[in-house]
Amino acid sequence: MDPIVAAASVIAAALAVGLAAIGPGIGQGNAAASAVEGIARQPEAEGKIRGTLLLSLAFMEALTIYGLVVALVLLFANPFA
């Protein structure tokens, strides 16, 4: 494999993982803060809020996993080689 292609693939994989972690990380923080605020305002709705929070966190985490898959494809199954 050409060294330039290999270096570009490694840089692209690092960017894919980094950017895929930043977005959902910020989103998860905002969602958790809103859930805590909602539970503080309405403690009797804790069960519904917690369930919705966990479901939304799982969907956000899936976005990070997609970034990881893209990075692994760039590193090990390089389509540019």
N, C-alpha and C. Protein backbone atom coordinates (compact mmCIF):
# COMPACT_ATOMS: atom_id res chain seq x y z
N MET A 1 0.85 -1.18 0.00
CA MET A 1 0.00 0.00 0.00
C MET A 1 0.89 1.24 0.00
N ASP A 2 0.44 2.23 -0.70
CA ASP A 2 1.16 3.50 -0.78
C ASP A 2 1.20 4.15 0.62
N PRO A 3 2.36 4.62 1.05
CA PRO A 3 2.46 5.21 2.39
C PRO A 3 1.56 6.43 2.59
N ILE A 4 1.34 7.19 1.53
CA ILE A 4 0.47 8.36 1.66
C ILE A 4 -0.97 7.92 1.90
N VAL A 5 -1.41 6.88 1.20
CA VAL A 5 -2.76 6.36 1.40
C VAL A 5 -2.90 5.79 2.81
N ALA A 6 -1.88 5.10 3.28
CA ALA A 6 -1.92 4.54 4.63
C ALA A 6 -1.98 5.65 5.68
N ALA A 7 -1.18 6.68 5.50
CA ALA A 7 -1.19 7.80 6.46
C ALA A 7 -2.52 8.53 6.42
N ALA A 8 -3.07 8.74 5.24
CA ALA A 8 -4.37 9.41 5.12
C ALA A 8 -5.48 8.58 5.75
N SER A 9 -5.38 7.24 5.62
CA SER A 9 -6.39 6.37 6.22
C SER A 9 -6.33 6.43 7.74
N VAL A 10 -5.14 6.48 8.30
CA VAL A 10 -5.00 6.57 9.75
C VAL A 10 -5.53 7.90 10.26
N ILE A 11 -5.23 8.98 9.55
CA ILE A 11 -5.73 10.30 9.96
C ILE A 11 -7.26 10.34 9.83
N ALA A 12 -7.79 9.79 8.75
CA ALA A 12 -9.25 9.77 8.57
C ALA A 12 -9.92 8.93 9.64
N ALA A 13 -9.30 7.81 10.02
CA ALA A 13 -9.87 6.97 11.07
C ALA A 13 -9.88 7.71 12.41
N ALA A 14 -8.81 8.43 12.70
CA ALA A 14 -8.76 9.20 13.94
C ALA A 14 -9.81 10.29 13.95
N LEU A 15 -9.99 10.97 12.83
CA LEU A 15 -11.02 12.00 12.75
C LEU A 15 -12.42 11.40 12.87
N ALA A 16 -12.64 10.23 12.26
CA ALA A 16 -13.95 9.59 12.32
C ALA A 16 -14.31 9.25 13.76
N VAL A 17 -13.37 8.68 14.50
CA VAL A 17 -13.66 8.32 15.90
C VAL A 17 -13.81 9.57 16.75
N GLY A 18 -12.95 10.55 16.54
CA GLY A 18 -13.02 11.77 17.34
C GLY A 18 -14.30 12.54 17.13
N LEU A 19 -14.68 12.75 15.89
CA LEU A 19 -15.91 13.49 15.61
C LEU A 19 -17.15 12.69 15.98
N ALA A 20 -17.06 11.37 15.83
CA ALA A 20 -18.21 10.54 16.20
C ALA A 20 -18.40 10.48 17.71
N ALA A 21 -17.37 10.79 18.47
CA ALA A 21 -17.50 10.78 19.93
C ALA A 21 -17.92 12.14 20.47
N ILE A 22 -17.53 13.21 19.80
CA ILE A 22 -17.83 14.55 20.30
C ILE A 22 -19.33 14.85 20.25
N GLY A 23 -19.95 14.61 19.12
CA GLY A 23 -21.37 14.93 18.95
C GLY A 23 -22.27 14.21 19.94
N PRO A 24 -22.23 12.87 19.95
CA PRO A 24 -23.06 12.16 20.92
C PRO A 24 -22.68 12.45 22.37
N GLY A 25 -21.42 12.75 22.63
CA GLY A 25 -21.02 13.09 24.00
C GLY A 25 -21.71 14.35 24.48
N ILE A 26 -21.74 15.35 23.62
CA ILE A 26 -22.44 16.59 23.97
C ILE A 26 -23.94 16.33 24.09
N GLY A 27 -24.49 15.55 23.17
CA GLY A 27 -25.91 15.24 23.22
C GLY A 27 -26.29 14.46 24.46
N GLN A 28 -25.45 13.51 24.86
CA GLN A 28 -25.74 12.73 26.07
C GLN A 28 -25.68 13.61 27.31
N GLY A 29 -24.74 14.53 27.33
CA GLY A 29 -24.67 15.45 28.46
C GLY A 29 -25.91 16.32 28.56
N ASN A 30 -26.35 16.85 27.42
CA ASN A 30 -27.56 17.67 27.41
C ASN A 30 -28.79 16.86 27.81
N ALA A 31 -28.88 15.63 27.31
CA ALA A 31 -30.04 14.79 27.64
C ALA A 31 -30.06 14.44 29.12
N ALA A 32 -28.90 14.11 29.68
CA ALA A 32 -28.84 13.78 31.10
C ALA A 32 -29.18 15.00 31.95
N ALA A 33 -28.69 16.17 31.56
CA ALA A 33 -29.00 17.38 32.32
C ALA A 33 -30.49 17.68 32.28
N SER A 34 -31.10 17.52 31.13
CA SER A 34 -32.54 17.76 31.02
C SER A 34 -33.34 16.73 31.82
N ALA A 35 -32.87 15.49 31.82
CA ALA A 35 -33.57 14.46 32.59
C ALA A 35 -33.48 14.74 34.08
N VAL A 36 -32.32 15.13 34.56
CA VAL A 36 -32.17 15.45 35.98
C VAL A 36 -33.05 16.65 36.34
N GLU A 37 -33.09 17.63 35.47
CA GLU A 37 -33.93 18.80 35.72
C GLU A 37 -35.41 18.41 35.73
N GLY A 38 -35.81 17.55 34.79
CA GLY A 38 -37.20 17.10 34.75
C GLY A 38 -37.58 16.29 35.98
N ILE A 39 -36.68 15.44 36.44
CA ILE A 39 -36.96 14.65 37.65
C ILE A 39 -37.02 15.56 38.87
N ALA A 40 -36.17 16.59 38.91
CA ALA A 40 -36.20 17.52 40.03
C ALA A 40 -37.51 18.31 40.06
N ARG A 41 -38.04 18.64 38.90
CA ARG A 41 -39.29 19.40 38.85
C ARG A 41 -40.51 18.52 39.08
N GLN A 42 -40.45 17.28 38.64
CA GLN A 42 -41.60 16.38 38.72
C GLN A 42 -41.14 14.98 39.12
N PRO A 43 -40.88 14.78 40.41
CA PRO A 43 -40.33 13.49 40.86
C PRO A 43 -41.24 12.29 40.59
N GLU A 44 -42.53 12.50 40.49
CA GLU A 44 -43.45 11.37 40.27
C GLU A 44 -43.33 10.82 38.85
N ALA A 45 -42.72 11.56 37.94
CA ALA A 45 -42.54 11.09 36.55
C ALA A 45 -41.17 10.49 36.33
N GLU A 46 -40.48 10.12 37.41
CA GLU A 46 -39.11 9.62 37.29
C GLU A 46 -39.00 8.39 36.40
N GLY A 47 -39.92 7.46 36.52
CA GLY A 47 -39.86 6.23 35.73
C GLY A 47 -39.94 6.48 34.23
N LYS A 48 -40.88 7.32 33.83
CA LYS A 48 -41.03 7.63 32.40
C LYS A 48 -39.82 8.39 31.88
N ILE A 49 -39.33 9.33 32.67
CA ILE A 49 -38.18 10.12 32.24
C ILE A 49 -36.95 9.24 32.12
N ARG A 50 -36.74 8.36 33.11
CA ARG A 50 -35.58 7.49 33.07
C ARG A 50 -35.62 6.55 31.87
N GLY A 51 -36.80 5.98 31.58
CA GLY A 51 -36.92 5.08 30.44
C GLY A 51 -36.63 5.78 29.12
N THR A 52 -37.18 6.97 28.97
CA THR A 52 -36.94 7.74 27.76
C THR A 52 -35.47 8.13 27.64
N LEU A 53 -34.88 8.50 28.77
CA LEU A 53 -33.46 8.88 28.77
C LEU A 53 -32.59 7.71 28.34
N LEU A 54 -32.81 6.54 28.90
CA LEU A 54 -31.99 5.39 28.55
C LEU A 54 -32.13 5.00 27.08
N LEU A 55 -33.36 5.09 26.55
CA LEU A 55 -33.57 4.78 25.14
C LEU A 55 -32.84 5.79 24.26
N SER A 56 -32.94 7.06 24.59
CA SER A 56 -32.27 8.07 23.77
C SER A 56 -30.75 7.97 23.89
N LEU A 57 -30.24 7.62 25.08
CA LEU A 57 -28.80 7.43 25.22
C LEU A 57 -28.30 6.26 24.38
N ALA A 58 -29.11 5.21 24.29
CA ALA A 58 -28.72 4.07 23.46
C ALA A 58 -28.64 4.46 21.99
N PHE A 59 -29.60 5.26 21.53
CA PHE A 59 -29.56 5.71 20.13
C PHE A 59 -28.36 6.62 19.88
N MET A 60 -28.04 7.47 20.83
CA MET A 60 -26.88 8.35 20.66
C MET A 60 -25.58 7.54 20.66
N GLU A 61 -25.52 6.53 21.48
CA GLU A 61 -24.31 5.69 21.53
C GLU A 61 -24.13 4.92 20.23
N ALA A 62 -25.24 4.60 19.56
CA ALA A 62 -25.15 3.92 18.27
C ALA A 62 -24.43 4.78 17.25
N LEU A 63 -24.59 6.09 17.32
CA LEU A 63 -23.89 6.98 16.40
C LEU A 63 -22.38 6.89 16.60
N THR A 64 -21.95 6.77 17.85
CA THR A 64 -20.53 6.63 18.13
C THR A 64 -20.00 5.30 17.59
N ILE A 65 -20.80 4.27 17.70
CA ILE A 65 -20.38 2.96 17.20
C ILE A 65 -20.27 2.99 15.68
N TYR A 66 -21.14 3.74 15.00
CA TYR A 66 -21.02 3.87 13.54
C TYR A 66 -19.69 4.52 13.18
N GLY A 67 -19.28 5.52 13.93
CA GLY A 67 -17.98 6.14 13.69
C GLY A 67 -16.84 5.16 13.90
N LEU A 68 -16.96 4.32 14.92
CA LEU A 68 -15.94 3.30 15.16
C LEU A 68 -15.88 2.31 14.01
N VAL A 69 -17.03 1.93 13.48
CA VAL A 69 -17.05 0.99 12.35
C VAL A 69 -16.38 1.61 11.13
N VAL A 70 -16.65 2.88 10.88
CA VAL A 70 -16.01 3.57 9.75
C VAL A 70 -14.50 3.59 9.94
N ALA A 71 -14.06 3.87 11.16
CA ALA A 71 -12.61 3.90 11.43
C ALA A 71 -11.99 2.52 11.24
N LEU A 72 -12.66 1.48 11.69
CA LEU A 72 -12.11 0.14 11.53
C LEU A 72 -12.06 -0.26 10.06
N VAL A 73 -13.05 0.15 9.28
CA VAL A 73 -13.02 -0.13 7.85
C VAL A 73 -11.84 0.59 7.20
N LEU A 74 -11.61 1.83 7.58
CA LEU A 74 -10.48 2.58 7.01
C LEU A 74 -9.14 1.97 7.39
N LEU A 75 -9.06 1.38 8.58
CA LEU A 75 -7.78 0.83 9.02
C LEU A 75 -7.52 -0.58 8.49
N PHE A 76 -8.55 -1.43 8.49
CA PHE A 76 -8.30 -2.84 8.22
C PHE A 76 -8.87 -3.34 6.88
N ALA A 77 -9.92 -2.73 6.39
CA ALA A 77 -10.49 -3.14 5.11
C ALA A 77 -10.47 -1.93 4.19
N ASN A 78 -9.32 -1.36 4.03
CA ASN A 78 -9.17 -0.07 3.36
C ASN A 78 -9.67 -0.15 1.92
N PRO A 79 -10.74 0.61 1.60
CA PRO A 79 -11.27 0.57 0.23
C PRO A 79 -10.39 1.32 -0.76
N PHE A 80 -9.40 2.09 -0.28
CA PHE A 80 -8.55 2.87 -1.15
C PHE A 80 -7.25 2.16 -1.51
N ALA A 81 -7.06 0.96 -0.98
CA ALA A 81 -5.82 0.24 -1.23
C ALA A 81 -5.85 -0.43 -2.58
